[in-house]
Amino acid sequence: MSALIAAAWVYGPQAVAWVIANGPMLIQMGAAAFVLLSQMFG
């Protein structure tokens, strides 16, 4: 369990920075997937 906490401590800031850097791309992908699904099941 402590290894998990250590990994979160080390990689957490990197993960946050990655999400911030790739936020617009992730939002576009999520929006595209939502539109696709709503068209398929709508």
PDB file of N, CA and C in Angstrom:
ATOM      1  N   MET A   1       0.834  -1.198   0.000  1.00  0.00           N
ATOM      2  CA  MET A   1       0.000   0.000   0.000  1.00  0.00           C
ATOM      3  C   MET A   1       0.870   1.249   0.000  1.00  0.00           C
ATOM      4  N   SER A   2       1.935   1.235   0.767  1.00  0.00           N
ATOM      5  CA  SER A   2       2.814   2.402   0.817  1.00  0.00           C
ATOM      6  C   SER A   2       3.498   2.626  -0.526  1.00  0.00           C
ATOM      7  N   ALA A   3       3.719   1.534  -1.278  1.00  0.00           N
ATOM      8  CA  ALA A   3       4.303   1.674  -2.613  1.00  0.00           C
ATOM      9  C   ALA A   3       3.344   2.426  -3.527  1.00  0.00           C
ATOM     10  N   LEU A   4       2.043   2.150  -3.370  1.00  0.00           N
ATOM     11  CA  LEU A   4       1.025   2.839  -4.155  1.00  0.00           C
ATOM     12  C   LEU A   4       1.028   4.330  -3.831  1.00  0.00           C
ATOM     13  N   ILE A   5       1.129   4.645  -2.541  1.00  0.00           N
ATOM     14  CA  ILE A   5       1.159   6.049  -2.111  1.00  0.00           C
ATOM     15  C   ILE A   5       2.412   6.734  -2.653  1.00  0.00           C
ATOM     16  N   ALA A   6       3.539   6.027  -2.602  1.00  0.00           N
ATOM     17  CA  ALA A   6       4.783   6.591  -3.121  1.00  0.00           C
ATOM     18  C   ALA A   6       4.658   6.840  -4.621  1.00  0.00           C
ATOM     19  N   ALA A   7       4.047   5.900  -5.352  1.00  0.00           N
ATOM     20  CA  ALA A   7       3.872   6.067  -6.798  1.00  0.00           C
ATOM     21  C   ALA A   7       2.969   7.262  -7.085  1.00  0.00           C
ATOM     22  N   ALA A   8       1.895   7.409  -6.305  1.00  0.00           N
ATOM     23  CA  ALA A   8       0.995   8.548  -6.485  1.00  0.00           C
ATOM     24  C   ALA A   8       1.724   9.850  -6.190  1.00  0.00           C
ATOM     25  N   TRP A   9       2.582   9.828  -5.160  1.00  0.00           N
ATOM     26  CA  TRP A   9       3.349  11.020  -4.782  1.00  0.00           C
ATOM     27  C   TRP A   9       4.306  11.418  -5.895  1.00  0.00           C
ATOM     28  N   VAL A  10       4.917  10.409  -6.543  1.00  0.00           N
ATOM     29  CA  VAL A  10       5.906  10.689  -7.591  1.00  0.00           C
ATOM     30  C   VAL A  10       5.217  11.048  -8.910  1.00  0.00           C
ATOM     31  N   TYR A  11       4.217  10.257  -9.302  1.00  0.00           N
ATOM     32  CA  TYR A  11       3.633  10.405 -10.629  1.00  0.00           C
ATOM     33  C   TYR A  11       2.410  11.312 -10.652  1.00  0.00           C
ATOM     34  N   GLY A  12       1.848  11.611  -9.485  1.00  0.00           N
ATOM     35  CA  GLY A  12       0.666  12.464  -9.426  1.00  0.00           C
ATOM     36  C   GLY A  12       0.851  13.804 -10.122  1.00  0.00           C
ATOM     37  N   PRO A  13       1.877  14.579  -9.764  1.00  0.00           N
ATOM     38  CA  PRO A  13       2.082  15.874 -10.423  1.00  0.00           C
ATOM     39  C   PRO A  13       2.297  15.742 -11.925  1.00  0.00           C
ATOM     40  N   GLN A  14       2.995  14.678 -12.355  1.00  0.00           N
ATOM     41  CA  GLN A  14       3.198  14.462 -13.789  1.00  0.00           C
ATOM     42  C   GLN A  14       1.872  14.182 -14.474  1.00  0.00           C
ATOM     43  N   ALA A  15       1.025  13.371 -13.819  1.00  0.00           N
ATOM     44  CA  ALA A  15      -0.282  13.051 -14.380  1.00  0.00           C
ATOM     45  C   ALA A  15      -1.136  14.308 -14.485  1.00  0.00           C
ATOM     46  N   VAL A  16      -1.106  15.141 -13.451  1.00  0.00           N
ATOM     47  CA  VAL A  16      -1.877  16.385 -13.469  1.00  0.00           C
ATOM     48  C   VAL A  16      -1.380  17.289 -14.592  1.00  0.00           C
ATOM     49  N   ALA A  17      -0.063  17.402 -14.731  1.00  0.00           N
ATOM     50  CA  ALA A  17       0.506  18.237 -15.786  1.00  0.00           C
ATOM     51  C   ALA A  17       0.121  17.705 -17.165  1.00  0.00           C
ATOM     52  N   TRP A  18       0.110  16.371 -17.321  1.00  0.00           N
ATOM     53  CA  TRP A  18      -0.259  15.760 -18.603  1.00  0.00           C
ATOM     54  C   TRP A  18      -1.713  16.070 -18.929  1.00  0.00           C
ATOM     55  N   VAL A  19      -2.591  15.932 -17.928  1.00  0.00           N
ATOM     56  CA  VAL A  19      -4.012  16.204 -18.149  1.00  0.00           C
ATOM     57  C   VAL A  19      -4.218  17.671 -18.529  1.00  0.00           C
ATOM     58  N   ILE A  20      -3.490  18.580 -17.863  1.00  0.00           N
ATOM     59  CA  ILE A  20      -3.617  20.005 -18.180  1.00  0.00           C
ATOM     60  C   ILE A  20      -3.117  20.258 -19.605  1.00  0.00           C
ATOM     61  N   ALA A  21      -1.990  19.632 -19.962  1.00  0.00           N
ATOM     62  CA  ALA A  21      -1.420  19.852 -21.290  1.00  0.00           C
ATOM     63  C   ALA A  21      -2.321  19.285 -22.379  1.00  0.00           C
ATOM     64  N   ASN A  22      -2.962  18.143 -22.100  1.00  0.00           N
ATOM     65  CA  ASN A  22      -3.767  17.459 -23.110  1.00  0.00           C
ATOM     66  C   ASN A  22      -5.267  17.667 -22.911  1.00  0.00           C
ATOM     67  N   GLY A  23      -5.627  18.610 -22.028  1.00  0.00           N
ATOM     68  CA  GLY A  23      -7.022  18.854 -21.728  1.00  0.00           C
ATOM     69  C   GLY A  23      -7.894  19.096 -22.954  1.00  0.00           C
ATOM     70  N   PRO A  24      -7.502  20.046 -23.828  1.00  0.00           N
ATOM     71  CA  PRO A  24      -8.342  20.323 -24.999  1.00  0.00           C
ATOM     72  C   PRO A  24      -8.543  19.095 -25.881  1.00  0.00           C
ATOM     73  N   MET A  25      -7.484  18.310 -26.093  1.00  0.00           N
ATOM     74  CA  MET A  25      -7.601  17.102 -26.908  1.00  0.00           C
ATOM     75  C   MET A  25      -8.552  16.112 -26.249  1.00  0.00           C
ATOM     76  N   LEU A  26      -8.411  15.940 -24.911  1.00  0.00           N
ATOM     77  CA  LEU A  26      -9.284  15.007 -24.201  1.00  0.00           C
ATOM     78  C   LEU A  26     -10.737  15.453 -24.279  1.00  0.00           C
ATOM     79  N   ILE A  27     -10.964  16.765 -24.162  1.00  0.00           N
ATOM     80  CA  ILE A  27     -12.333  17.289 -24.229  1.00  0.00           C
ATOM     81  C   ILE A  27     -12.911  17.064 -25.619  1.00  0.00           C
ATOM     82  N   GLN A  28     -12.113  17.301 -26.660  1.00  0.00           N
ATOM     83  CA  GLN A  28     -12.582  17.085 -28.026  1.00  0.00           C
ATOM     84  C   GLN A  28     -12.900  15.615 -28.258  1.00  0.00           C
ATOM     85  N   MET A  29     -12.026  14.718 -27.776  1.00  0.00           N
ATOM     86  CA  MET A  29     -12.268  13.289 -27.945  1.00  0.00           C
ATOM     87  C   MET A  29     -13.531  12.877 -27.201  1.00  0.00           C
ATOM     88  N   GLY A  30     -13.686  13.373 -25.982  1.00  0.00           N
ATOM     89  CA  GLY A  30     -14.870  13.045 -25.204  1.00  0.00           C
ATOM     90  C   GLY A  30     -16.140  13.558 -25.868  1.00  0.00           C
ATOM     91  N   ALA A  31     -16.074  14.784 -26.395  1.00  0.00           N
ATOM     92  CA  ALA A  31     -17.245  15.350 -27.064  1.00  0.00           C
ATOM     93  C   ALA A  31     -17.572  14.559 -28.322  1.00  0.00           C
ATOM     94  N   ALA A  32     -16.548  14.174 -29.084  1.00  0.00           N
ATOM     95  CA  ALA A  32     -16.774  13.401 -30.305  1.00  0.00           C
ATOM     96  C   ALA A  32     -17.381  12.043 -29.973  1.00  0.00           C
ATOM     97  N   ALA A  33     -16.876  11.394 -28.935  1.00  0.00           N
ATOM     98  CA  ALA A  33     -17.416  10.097 -28.525  1.00  0.00           C
ATOM     99  C   ALA A  33     -18.863  10.246 -28.060  1.00  0.00           C
ATOM    100  N   PHE A  34     -19.161  11.331 -27.340  1.00  0.00           N
ATOM    101  CA  PHE A  34     -20.524  11.563 -26.860  1.00  0.00           C
ATOM    102  C   PHE A  34     -21.480  11.763 -28.031  1.00  0.00           C
ATOM    103  N   VAL A  35     -21.062  12.561 -29.011  1.00  0.00           N
ATOM    104  CA  VAL A  35     -21.904  12.802 -30.188  1.00  0.00           C
ATOM    105  C   VAL A  35     -22.134  11.500 -30.945  1.00  0.00           C
ATOM    106  N   LEU A  36     -21.054  10.729 -31.098  1.00  0.00           N
ATOM    107  CA  LEU A  36     -21.165   9.447 -31.808  1.00  0.00           C
ATOM    108  C   LEU A  36     -22.154   8.529 -31.103  1.00  0.00           C
ATOM    109  N   LEU A  37     -22.016   8.417 -29.785  1.00  0.00           N
ATOM    110  CA  LEU A  37     -22.903   7.531 -29.029  1.00  0.00           C
ATOM    111  C   LEU A  37     -24.348   8.028 -29.057  1.00  0.00           C
ATOM    112  N   SER A  38     -24.522   9.340 -28.947  1.00  0.00           N
ATOM    113  CA  SER A  38     -25.889   9.876 -28.945  1.00  0.00           C
ATOM    114  C   SER A  38     -26.548   9.683 -30.306  1.00  0.00           C
ATOM    115  N   GLN A  39     -25.751   9.698 -31.373  1.00  0.00           N
ATOM    116  CA  GLN A  39     -26.311   9.432 -32.694  1.00  0.00           C
ATOM    117  C   GLN A  39     -26.660   7.957 -32.849  1.00  0.00           C
ATOM    118  N   MET A  40     -25.816   7.098 -32.300  1.00  0.00           N
ATOM    119  CA  MET A  40     -26.058   5.659 -32.415  1.00  0.00           C
ATOM    120  C   MET A  40     -27.282   5.232 -31.615  1.00  0.00           C
ATOM    121  N   PHE A  41     -27.409   5.759 -30.397  1.00  0.00           N
ATOM    122  CA  PHE A  41     -28.464   5.303 -29.492  1.00  0.00           C
ATOM    123  C   PHE A  41     -29.620   6.290 -29.392  1.00  0.00           C
ATOM    124  N   GLY A  42     -29.457   7.466 -30.016  1.00  0.00           N
ATOM    125  CA  GLY A  42     -30.517   8.448 -29.964  1.00  0.00           C
ATOM    126  C   GLY A  42     -31.602   8.058 -30.951  1.00  0.00           C
TER     127      GLY A  42
END
